[in-house]
Amino acid sequence: MAILTARQLDEVRQALVRELTADGVTGINFTKPQVNAAIQAVEDVLTGAALQTALSNAMNTATSPLVLTAAQKKLLVRWVLRSRFDRGND
């Protein structure tokens, strides 16, 4: 299980609630423990070995024979995800 500090968990949950309720119409239909569990589940998937290996292998295949360093891969994934979500893609 991924480890988020209590502060990190609060920050993510509060940001989620702010965005969900920003329209003044949408209500919250989950409890704090439920959303905390969902946050931890997402964190677990993102940090899990299967996803990390799949991403690394995909990048290695795409750039072969070049192999990006772990730091380069981390930055690449960060910027691709940021770009994707900034564009509103699900």
Protein backbone atom coordinates (compact mmCIF):
# COMPACT_ATOMS: atom_id res chain seq x y z
CA MET A 1 0.00 0.00 0.00
CA ALA A 2 1.27 3.43 -0.89
CA ILE A 3 2.04 5.76 1.94
CA LEU A 4 0.68 9.28 1.83
CA THR A 5 1.08 11.49 4.83
CA ALA A 6 -2.09 12.66 6.54
CA ARG A 7 -1.37 16.15 5.18
CA GLN A 8 -1.00 14.88 1.60
CA LEU A 9 -4.23 12.91 1.90
CA ASP A 10 -6.03 15.99 3.25
CA GLU A 11 -4.66 18.17 0.43
CA VAL A 12 -5.84 15.79 -2.29
CA ARG A 13 -9.24 15.26 -0.69
CA GLN A 14 -9.80 18.98 -0.13
CA ALA A 15 -8.79 19.83 -3.69
CA LEU A 16 -11.20 17.18 -4.99
CA VAL A 17 -14.07 18.54 -2.90
CA ARG A 18 -13.31 22.14 -3.94
CA GLU A 19 -13.39 21.22 -7.61
CA LEU A 20 -16.50 19.05 -7.30
CA THR A 21 -18.44 21.75 -5.47
CA ALA A 22 -17.14 24.78 -7.39
CA ASP A 23 -20.32 25.01 -9.46
CA GLY A 24 -22.41 25.48 -6.33
CA VAL A 25 -24.74 22.70 -7.45
CA THR A 26 -22.80 19.45 -7.21
CA GLY A 27 -22.96 17.79 -3.84
CA ILE A 28 -20.67 15.30 -2.17
CA ASN A 29 -21.96 11.73 -2.12
CA PHE A 30 -19.03 10.08 -0.38
CA THR A 31 -17.60 9.99 3.11
CA LYS A 32 -14.13 11.07 4.13
CA PRO A 33 -13.01 7.45 4.72
CA GLN A 34 -14.40 6.42 1.31
CA VAL A 35 -12.55 9.12 -0.61
CA ASN A 36 -9.39 8.53 1.43
CA ALA A 37 -9.53 4.87 0.43
CA ALA A 38 -10.02 5.84 -3.22
CA ILE A 39 -7.06 8.23 -3.07
CA GLN A 40 -4.87 5.51 -1.57
CA ALA A 41 -6.06 3.06 -4.24
CA VAL A 42 -5.04 5.44 -7.02
CA GLU A 43 -1.70 6.01 -5.32
CA ASP A 44 -1.20 2.24 -5.05
CA VAL A 45 -1.85 1.74 -8.77
CA LEU A 46 0.41 4.61 -9.80
CA THR A 47 3.29 3.38 -7.65
CA GLY A 48 2.73 -0.34 -8.24
CA ALA A 49 5.39 -2.45 -9.89
CA ALA A 50 3.12 -3.60 -12.74
CA LEU A 51 2.38 -0.06 -13.94
CA GLN A 52 5.96 1.10 -13.42
CA THR A 53 7.26 -1.85 -15.44
CA ALA A 54 4.69 -1.37 -18.20
CA LEU A 55 5.55 2.32 -18.56
CA SER A 56 9.27 1.65 -18.52
CA ASN A 57 9.00 -1.12 -21.09
CA ALA A 58 6.79 0.99 -23.36
CA MET A 59 9.29 3.84 -23.28
CA ASN A 60 12.21 1.47 -23.87
CA THR A 61 10.46 0.01 -26.91
CA ALA A 62 9.60 3.45 -28.27
CA THR A 63 13.13 4.83 -27.92
CA SER A 64 15.14 1.69 -28.77
CA PRO A 65 18.07 1.41 -28.96
CA LEU A 66 18.23 4.44 -26.65
CA VAL A 67 17.15 3.74 -23.08
CA LEU A 68 16.04 6.73 -21.04
CA THR A 69 17.28 6.98 -17.48
CA ALA A 70 14.84 6.45 -14.62
CA ALA A 71 14.89 10.20 -13.93
CA GLN A 72 14.14 10.99 -17.58
CA LYS A 73 11.26 8.50 -17.60
CA LYS A 74 9.82 10.00 -14.42
CA LEU A 75 9.89 13.49 -15.91
CA LEU A 76 8.39 12.28 -19.17
CA VAL A 77 5.48 10.59 -17.41
CA ARG A 78 4.93 13.67 -15.22
CA TRP A 79 4.73 16.02 -18.22
CA VAL A 80 2.57 13.71 -20.32
CA LEU A 81 0.07 13.33 -17.47
CA ARG A 82 0.11 17.04 -16.69
CA SER A 83 -0.49 17.89 -20.35
CA ARG A 84 -3.23 15.31 -20.65
CA PHE A 85 -5.16 16.54 -17.64
CA ASP A 86 -4.56 20.22 -18.41
CA ARG A 87 -6.27 19.58 -21.75
CA GLY A 88 -9.23 18.03 -19.94
CA ASN A 89 -8.66 14.53 -21.30
CA ASP A 90 -9.94 11.78 -19.05
